[in-house]
Amino acid sequence: MKTIKKNKLLRQLKKGARDGVFPGAVLLVAKRAKVLLFEAIGYRICFPERLPMEKDTIFDMASLTKPLATTLGIMKLVDRGQLSLDQPLIDILGISLPDDKRFLTPRLLLSHTSGLPDWRPYYLILKRSESENRKKIVREWILNEPLMYQPGCGCLYSDLGFMVLEWIIEHTSGMSMPQFLKENIYGPLLLKHTSFSGASPIKKDKKKLFAATELCPWRKMVLQGEVHDDNAFTIGGYSGHAGLFSTAEEVYSLANMLREHYLGLRQDFFKPELVKLFFQKQTMLGGCTRTLGWDTPSSRNSRSGRYFSKKSVGHLGYTGTSIWIDFKRDVIVILLTNRVHLTRENWGIKRFRPFIHNKIMETVCFLK
């Protein structure tokens, strides 16, 4: 990318920081596996001290945990033949289940068409329970939640569904989700900074490597290296919906690995046809426009902007993170911000995301 075009994009990114959209950001843009732009601007923490954002700053991925952790875990189990996308939950877990949950499947859970509610403030009650029992308690609560609609007949983005998917990974593999992913995905890819909050303690001197998130009103501290999501924190620091931490460069490694499998350039982690299957819209399920574990650009007012093709997948994270992969234009865009620092009551990112994505695609998608 020519320096003048790179500078224009950086000016827009810096303007976002000046306008208070986020304290800092890391942007990585690649086309045809060539990184065209990789820059950090602003601050990774503003209080109680100011520290600059770095390219290797570690971010709370928030809901990017869904595609970059939980979905990858399910993909690996399906690829190995240990799990089927349409296998009923009663057969997978082998326990007594409420009648309306017995025939939920990984496909329904991954595509957010299971009928489970979107979110529940479980943490408010769990704070009074013994920590070692909390995940078990939450799973029982989820199983007893009334369904919002008949499975497969609607689409509602659901954290609860991905909490069940973590359970499936754990039960089927015989490992915790962090251990399973480290052994099968993150370790073989040589990712050093991709890990889960709560899975192992963070040394005090390492906390400064993390982008800060909220000044949490009930934890009474600025969160840095500790998961922002309240439910995930309360049940051990991570779950299937949140708790992954990573850097822009390592998110790109994961995205490019999937890209190469999708394009048939490699098959060491997954069968290429399985990756293509996971990236297909599940339109047969209640008119769903999601794929298995990923979102696609909306036809109107998409957070990805107006240039990503129909052959694109992506995902957003509440803390200000996002990733989009366009297989037709062969472009990957990773934008990591700490927009909830110091408070989550900052929604400028909603306008900024499509704006910056449009500027990026206008700059790179027609390059020779």
Protein backbone atom coordinates (compact mmCIF):
# COMPACT_ATOMS: atom_id res chain seq x y z
CA MET A 1 0.00 0.00 0.00
CA LYS A 2 1.34 3.41 -0.93
CA THR A 3 2.41 5.55 2.02
CA ILE A 4 -0.03 8.31 1.14
CA LYS A 5 -2.99 5.89 1.26
CA LYS A 6 -1.75 4.35 4.50
CA ASN A 7 -1.47 7.80 6.05
CA LYS A 8 -5.06 8.63 5.07
CA LEU A 9 -6.33 5.54 6.88
CA LEU A 10 -4.21 6.28 9.93
CA ARG A 11 -5.57 9.82 10.05
CA GLN A 12 -9.11 8.44 10.15
CA LEU A 13 -8.12 6.00 12.90
CA LYS A 14 -6.49 8.76 14.94
CA LYS A 15 -9.55 10.95 14.45
CA GLY A 16 -11.62 8.15 15.98
CA ALA A 17 -9.42 8.33 19.08
CA ARG A 18 -9.62 12.14 19.21
CA ASP A 19 -13.41 11.98 18.89
CA GLY A 20 -13.59 9.63 21.87
CA VAL A 21 -14.70 6.53 19.97
CA PHE A 22 -11.93 4.59 21.73
CA PRO A 23 -8.73 5.40 23.64
CA GLY A 24 -6.64 3.32 21.25
CA ALA A 25 -6.73 0.82 18.42
CA VAL A 26 -4.71 -1.67 16.40
CA LEU A 27 -5.62 -2.09 12.74
CA LEU A 28 -4.36 -4.90 10.51
CA VAL A 29 -5.34 -5.12 6.82
CA ALA A 30 -4.22 -7.89 4.48
CA LYS A 31 -4.92 -8.69 0.85
CA ARG A 32 -3.97 -12.00 -0.78
CA ALA A 33 -2.06 -12.96 2.36
CA LYS A 34 0.08 -9.81 2.20
CA VAL A 35 -0.19 -7.49 5.19
CA LEU A 36 -0.69 -4.00 3.76
CA LEU A 37 -1.28 -2.10 6.99
CA PHE A 38 -0.45 -2.97 10.59
CA GLU A 39 -0.46 -0.01 12.97
CA ALA A 40 -1.29 0.94 16.55
CA ILE A 41 -2.58 4.34 17.68
CA GLY A 42 -3.67 5.93 20.94
CA TYR A 43 -3.50 4.35 24.39
CA ARG A 44 -4.00 0.87 25.74
CA ILE A 45 -4.77 2.31 29.19
CA CYS A 46 -5.64 5.83 30.30
CA PHE A 47 -6.26 5.37 34.01
CA PRO A 48 -4.61 5.27 36.48
CA GLU A 49 -1.68 5.85 34.08
CA ARG A 50 -1.33 6.44 30.34
CA LEU A 51 0.44 3.77 28.34
CA PRO A 52 0.61 3.80 24.52
CA MET A 53 -1.05 1.20 22.37
CA GLU A 54 1.42 -1.25 20.82
CA LYS A 55 1.07 -3.61 17.88
CA ASP A 56 1.43 -6.57 20.24
CA THR A 57 -1.06 -5.31 22.82
CA ILE A 58 -3.27 -8.15 24.07
CA PHE A 59 -7.02 -7.49 23.82
CA ASP A 60 -10.10 -8.93 25.43
CA MET A 61 -11.70 -10.50 22.34
CA ALA A 62 -15.18 -10.57 23.94
CA SER A 63 -17.56 -12.27 21.47
CA LEU A 64 -14.76 -12.99 19.02
CA THR A 65 -14.34 -15.92 21.42
CA LYS A 66 -17.31 -17.47 19.59
CA PRO A 67 -15.69 -17.83 16.12
CA LEU A 68 -12.02 -17.90 17.17
CA ALA A 69 -12.33 -20.38 20.01
CA THR A 70 -15.62 -22.22 20.52
CA THR A 71 -16.40 -22.64 16.81
CA LEU A 72 -12.85 -23.82 16.10
CA GLY A 73 -13.21 -26.39 18.88
CA ILE A 74 -16.46 -27.73 17.43
CA MET A 75 -14.90 -27.76 13.93
CA LYS A 76 -12.01 -29.87 15.17
CA LEU A 77 -14.33 -32.40 16.82
CA VAL A 78 -16.47 -32.63 13.66
CA ASP A 79 -13.35 -32.96 11.49
CA ARG A 80 -12.18 -35.87 13.64
CA GLY A 81 -15.56 -37.59 13.48
CA GLN A 82 -16.10 -37.26 17.23
CA LEU A 83 -19.16 -35.07 16.76
CA SER A 84 -21.89 -34.48 14.17
CA LEU A 85 -23.43 -31.09 13.45
CA ASP A 86 -26.91 -32.58 13.62
CA GLN A 87 -26.34 -34.86 16.60
CA PRO A 88 -28.98 -34.32 19.32
CA LEU A 89 -27.81 -32.88 22.63
CA ILE A 90 -29.27 -35.88 24.46
CA ASP A 91 -26.89 -38.17 22.54
CA ILE A 92 -23.90 -35.88 22.98
CA LEU A 93 -24.13 -35.28 26.73
CA GLY A 94 -25.87 -38.52 27.68
CA ILE A 95 -27.70 -36.96 30.60
CA SER A 96 -31.32 -36.29 31.47
CA LEU A 97 -32.50 -33.15 29.65
CA PRO A 98 -35.74 -31.15 29.54
CA ASP A 99 -37.91 -32.26 26.62
CA ASP A 100 -37.46 -29.00 24.71
CA LYS A 101 -33.63 -29.24 24.88
CA ARG A 102 -33.17 -32.95 24.05
CA PHE A 103 -32.94 -32.42 20.30
CA LEU A 104 -30.93 -29.21 20.14
CA THR A 105 -27.88 -29.72 17.91
CA PRO A 106 -24.47 -28.10 17.40
CA ARG A 107 -25.78 -26.69 14.10
CA LEU A 108 -28.67 -24.93 15.84
CA LEU A 109 -26.41 -23.60 18.59
CA LEU A 110 -23.68 -22.39 16.21
CA SER A 111 -26.17 -20.55 13.97
CA HIS A 112 -28.07 -18.95 16.89
CA THR A 113 -31.28 -20.72 15.87
CA SER A 114 -31.68 -22.96 18.94
CA GLY A 115 -34.42 -20.88 20.56
CA LEU A 116 -32.32 -20.18 23.65
CA PRO A 117 -32.49 -16.63 25.09
CA ASP A 118 -29.79 -14.14 24.16
CA TRP A 119 -28.45 -13.33 27.63
CA ARG A 120 -29.28 -13.57 31.30
CA PRO A 121 -27.60 -11.68 34.20
CA TYR A 122 -26.59 -14.88 35.97
CA TYR A 123 -23.63 -13.18 37.62
CA LEU A 124 -25.90 -11.18 39.93
CA ILE A 125 -26.97 -14.40 41.69
CA LEU A 126 -23.76 -16.39 41.19
CA LYS A 127 -21.68 -13.90 43.17
CA ARG A 128 -23.23 -15.50 46.26
CA SER A 129 -22.40 -19.11 45.24
CA GLU A 130 -19.24 -21.15 45.73
CA SER A 131 -16.93 -20.47 42.79
CA GLU A 132 -16.15 -24.11 41.98
CA ASN A 133 -19.85 -24.90 41.44
CA ARG A 134 -20.83 -21.89 39.37
CA LYS A 135 -20.34 -23.30 35.87
CA LYS A 136 -22.38 -26.39 36.75
CA ILE A 137 -25.14 -24.20 38.21
CA VAL A 138 -25.26 -21.99 35.11
CA ARG A 139 -25.52 -25.00 32.82
CA GLU A 140 -28.50 -26.26 34.81
CA TRP A 141 -30.11 -22.82 34.59
CA ILE A 142 -29.62 -22.69 30.82
CA LEU A 143 -31.22 -26.09 30.39
CA ASN A 144 -34.24 -24.85 32.31
CA GLU A 145 -34.63 -21.57 30.42
CA PRO A 146 -37.87 -21.42 28.40
CA LEU A 147 -37.15 -21.36 24.67
CA MET A 148 -37.96 -18.12 22.88
CA TYR A 149 -39.17 -19.95 19.75
CA GLN A 150 -39.26 -23.42 18.21
CA PRO A 151 -35.67 -24.51 17.38
CA GLY A 152 -34.84 -23.84 13.74
CA CYS A 153 -37.78 -21.46 13.29
CA GLY A 154 -36.09 -18.19 14.25
CA CYS A 155 -32.73 -16.57 14.84
CA LEU A 156 -31.66 -14.82 18.05
CA TYR A 157 -28.02 -14.11 18.82
CA SER A 158 -27.39 -16.10 22.00
CA ASP A 159 -24.53 -16.15 24.48
CA LEU A 160 -26.31 -19.03 26.20
CA GLY A 161 -26.06 -21.23 23.13
CA PHE A 162 -22.29 -20.83 23.05
CA MET A 163 -22.06 -21.59 26.74
CA VAL A 164 -23.66 -24.95 25.90
CA LEU A 165 -21.18 -25.42 23.02
CA GLU A 166 -18.28 -25.08 25.47
CA TRP A 167 -19.92 -27.85 27.50
CA ILE A 168 -20.08 -30.02 24.36
CA ILE A 169 -16.36 -29.47 23.66
CA GLU A 170 -15.46 -30.27 27.24
CA HIS A 171 -17.61 -33.41 27.41
CA THR A 172 -16.65 -34.78 23.98
CA SER A 173 -12.91 -34.10 24.19
CA GLY A 174 -12.46 -34.89 27.88
CA MET A 175 -10.52 -31.61 28.25
CA SER A 176 -11.29 -28.06 29.21
CA MET A 177 -11.87 -25.84 26.18
CA PRO A 178 -8.62 -23.85 26.75
CA GLN A 179 -6.59 -27.07 26.96
CA PHE A 180 -8.26 -28.58 23.89
CA LEU A 181 -7.69 -25.47 21.78
CA LYS A 182 -4.11 -25.03 22.95
CA GLU A 183 -3.24 -28.60 22.00
CA ASN A 184 -5.06 -28.66 18.68
CA ILE A 185 -5.09 -25.09 17.31
CA TYR A 186 -3.17 -22.40 19.18
CA GLY A 187 -0.11 -24.50 20.04
CA PRO A 188 0.45 -25.91 16.53
CA LEU A 189 0.03 -22.38 15.11
CA LEU A 190 2.70 -21.18 17.58
CA LEU A 191 0.41 -18.55 19.09
CA LYS A 192 2.06 -17.19 22.24
CA HIS A 193 -0.48 -14.60 23.38
CA THR A 194 -3.80 -16.30 22.57
CA SER A 195 -5.25 -17.68 25.79
CA PHE A 196 -8.20 -17.56 28.14
CA SER A 197 -8.86 -15.33 31.10
CA GLY A 198 -9.00 -17.34 34.30
CA ALA A 199 -7.36 -20.43 32.77
CA SER A 200 -4.05 -19.49 34.44
CA PRO A 201 -3.01 -16.57 36.65
CA ILE A 202 -1.42 -13.50 35.04
CA LYS A 203 1.80 -12.26 36.60
CA LYS A 204 1.59 -8.69 37.85
CA ASP A 205 4.31 -7.42 35.52
CA LYS A 206 2.48 -8.92 32.50
CA LYS A 207 -0.76 -6.99 33.07
CA LYS A 208 0.66 -3.92 31.35
CA LEU A 209 0.73 -5.89 28.08
CA PHE A 210 -3.08 -5.90 28.02
CA ALA A 211 -5.47 -3.24 26.74
CA ALA A 212 -7.61 -2.04 29.62
CA THR A 213 -11.37 -2.28 29.48
CA GLU A 214 -13.93 -0.95 31.93
CA LEU A 215 -13.66 0.63 35.33
CA CYS A 216 -15.98 -2.11 36.58
CA PRO A 217 -18.68 -0.75 38.89
CA TRP A 218 -18.96 -3.96 40.96
CA ARG A 219 -15.39 -5.29 40.80
CA LYS A 220 -14.21 -1.77 41.76
CA MET A 221 -11.17 -1.80 39.49
CA VAL A 222 -9.98 -1.08 35.95
CA LEU A 223 -10.01 -4.42 34.16
CA GLN A 224 -6.73 -5.36 32.50
CA GLY A 225 -6.08 -8.98 31.59
CA GLU A 226 -9.35 -9.96 33.25
CA VAL A 227 -12.41 -10.75 31.16
CA HIS A 228 -14.88 -7.88 30.84
CA ASP A 229 -17.98 -10.05 30.42
CA ASP A 230 -19.71 -10.36 33.79
CA ASN A 231 -21.07 -13.88 33.35
CA ALA A 232 -17.78 -15.24 31.98
CA PHE A 233 -15.85 -13.69 34.87
CA THR A 234 -18.19 -15.12 37.48
CA ILE A 235 -17.97 -18.71 36.20
CA GLY A 236 -14.19 -18.89 36.11
CA GLY A 237 -13.00 -16.20 33.69
CA TYR A 238 -14.12 -17.72 30.41
CA SER A 239 -16.94 -19.59 28.72
CA GLY A 240 -18.01 -20.41 25.18
CA HIS A 241 -19.19 -16.86 24.55
CA ALA A 242 -16.35 -14.75 26.02
CA GLY A 243 -12.96 -14.95 27.71
CA LEU A 244 -10.45 -15.25 24.87
CA PHE A 245 -7.52 -12.80 24.74
CA SER A 246 -5.25 -12.28 21.75
CA THR A 247 -3.30 -9.81 19.62
CA ALA A 248 -4.06 -8.47 16.14
CA GLU A 249 -1.19 -10.46 14.64
CA GLU A 250 -2.34 -13.73 16.18
CA VAL A 251 -5.97 -13.11 15.21
CA TYR A 252 -4.64 -12.69 11.69
CA SER A 253 -2.82 -16.03 11.97
CA LEU A 254 -6.12 -17.70 12.82
CA ALA A 255 -8.01 -15.87 10.07
CA ASN A 256 -5.39 -16.63 7.43
CA MET A 257 -5.28 -20.28 8.47
CA LEU A 258 -9.04 -20.49 7.85
CA ARG A 259 -8.67 -18.55 4.59
CA GLU A 260 -6.04 -20.98 3.31
CA HIS A 261 -8.22 -23.96 4.16
CA TYR A 262 -11.26 -22.34 2.51
CA LEU A 263 -9.24 -21.74 -0.66
CA GLY A 264 -7.87 -25.28 -0.61
CA LEU A 265 -4.28 -24.13 -0.06
CA ARG A 266 -3.81 -26.36 2.99
CA GLN A 267 -5.60 -29.10 4.91
CA ASP A 268 -3.53 -29.69 8.02
CA PHE A 269 -6.02 -28.38 10.58
CA PHE A 270 -9.34 -29.11 8.85
CA LYS A 271 -10.66 -30.63 5.66
CA PRO A 272 -11.20 -27.69 3.25
CA GLU A 273 -14.76 -28.83 2.52
CA LEU A 274 -15.57 -28.65 6.23
CA VAL A 275 -14.37 -25.04 6.43
CA LYS A 276 -16.55 -24.18 3.44
CA LEU A 277 -19.49 -25.88 5.14
CA PHE A 278 -19.01 -23.82 8.31
CA PHE A 279 -18.91 -20.62 6.24
CA GLN A 280 -22.21 -21.30 4.45
CA LYS A 281 -25.26 -19.26 5.47
CA GLN A 282 -27.77 -21.42 7.32
CA THR A 283 -30.74 -19.97 5.45
CA MET A 284 -32.77 -23.16 5.90
CA LEU A 285 -33.06 -22.32 9.60
CA GLY A 286 -35.64 -19.62 10.20
CA GLY A 287 -34.27 -17.40 7.43
CA CYS A 288 -30.93 -17.22 9.26
CA THR A 289 -28.19 -15.12 7.61
CA ARG A 290 -25.46 -16.40 9.91
CA THR A 291 -23.04 -19.19 9.15
CA LEU A 292 -21.87 -21.75 11.71
CA GLY A 293 -20.24 -19.57 14.35
CA TRP A 294 -19.81 -16.48 12.16
CA ASP A 295 -21.89 -13.54 10.96
CA THR A 296 -22.21 -12.23 7.39
CA PRO A 297 -22.59 -8.66 6.10
CA SER A 298 -26.14 -7.33 6.50
CA SER A 299 -27.92 -6.26 3.33
CA ARG A 300 -28.53 -2.83 4.89
CA ASN A 301 -26.54 -0.79 7.41
CA SER A 302 -23.91 -3.48 7.89
CA ARG A 303 -21.25 -2.91 10.53
CA SER A 304 -18.79 -4.12 7.89
CA GLY A 305 -19.70 -1.19 5.63
CA ARG A 306 -20.95 -1.51 2.07
CA TYR A 307 -18.05 -3.14 0.21
CA PHE A 308 -17.61 -6.60 1.71
CA SER A 309 -18.94 -9.16 -0.74
CA LYS A 310 -21.60 -11.79 -0.08
CA LYS A 311 -18.74 -14.27 0.27
CA SER A 312 -17.61 -12.67 3.52
CA VAL A 313 -17.76 -13.70 7.17
CA GLY A 314 -17.00 -11.73 10.28
CA HIS A 315 -17.83 -11.07 13.89
CA LEU A 316 -17.96 -8.23 16.41
CA GLY A 317 -16.92 -8.12 20.05
CA TYR A 318 -18.56 -5.97 22.73
CA THR A 319 -15.23 -4.57 23.95
CA GLY A 320 -14.62 -2.98 20.52
CA THR A 321 -13.08 -5.82 18.55
CA SER A 322 -13.98 -7.02 15.05
CA ILE A 323 -12.80 -9.22 12.20
CA TRP A 324 -14.00 -9.50 8.59
CA ILE A 325 -12.79 -11.91 5.93
CA ASP A 326 -13.83 -11.40 2.30
CA PHE A 327 -13.08 -14.56 0.31
CA LYS A 328 -14.08 -13.02 -3.03
CA ARG A 329 -11.86 -9.93 -2.72
CA ASP A 330 -9.33 -11.91 -0.61
CA VAL A 331 -9.18 -9.25 2.09
CA ILE A 332 -8.88 -9.61 5.87
CA VAL A 333 -9.54 -6.65 8.18
CA ILE A 334 -8.91 -6.85 11.93
CA LEU A 335 -9.80 -3.85 14.10
CA LEU A 336 -9.11 -4.17 17.82
CA THR A 337 -10.06 -1.31 20.15
CA ASN A 338 -10.63 -0.80 23.86
CA ARG A 339 -13.80 1.26 23.36
CA VAL A 340 -15.23 0.26 26.81
CA HIS A 341 -12.32 1.93 28.63
CA LEU A 342 -13.23 3.57 30.96
CA THR A 343 -16.96 2.92 30.50
CA ARG A 344 -19.17 0.72 28.34
CA GLU A 345 -21.53 3.67 27.86
CA ASN A 346 -19.70 4.69 24.70
CA TRP A 347 -21.39 3.69 21.46
CA GLY A 348 -19.42 5.71 18.90
CA ILE A 349 -17.97 2.44 17.60
CA LYS A 350 -21.34 1.67 15.96
CA ARG A 351 -20.87 4.56 13.52
CA PHE A 352 -17.10 4.23 13.25
CA ARG A 353 -16.91 0.57 12.21
CA PRO A 354 -18.77 0.88 8.87
CA PHE A 355 -17.04 4.20 8.20
CA ILE A 356 -13.50 2.85 8.62
CA HIS A 357 -14.32 -0.39 6.79
CA ASN A 358 -15.56 1.63 3.82
CA LYS A 359 -12.36 3.68 3.79
CA ILE A 360 -10.24 0.54 4.00
CA MET A 361 -12.05 -1.27 1.20
CA GLU A 362 -12.03 1.81 -1.02
CA THR A 363 -8.28 1.89 -0.55
CA VAL A 364 -7.33 -1.76 -0.94
CA CYS A 365 -9.95 -3.81 -2.74
CA PHE A 366 -9.09 -2.53 -6.21
CA LEU A 367 -5.32 -2.72 -5.83
CA LYS A 368 -3.61 -4.81 -8.47
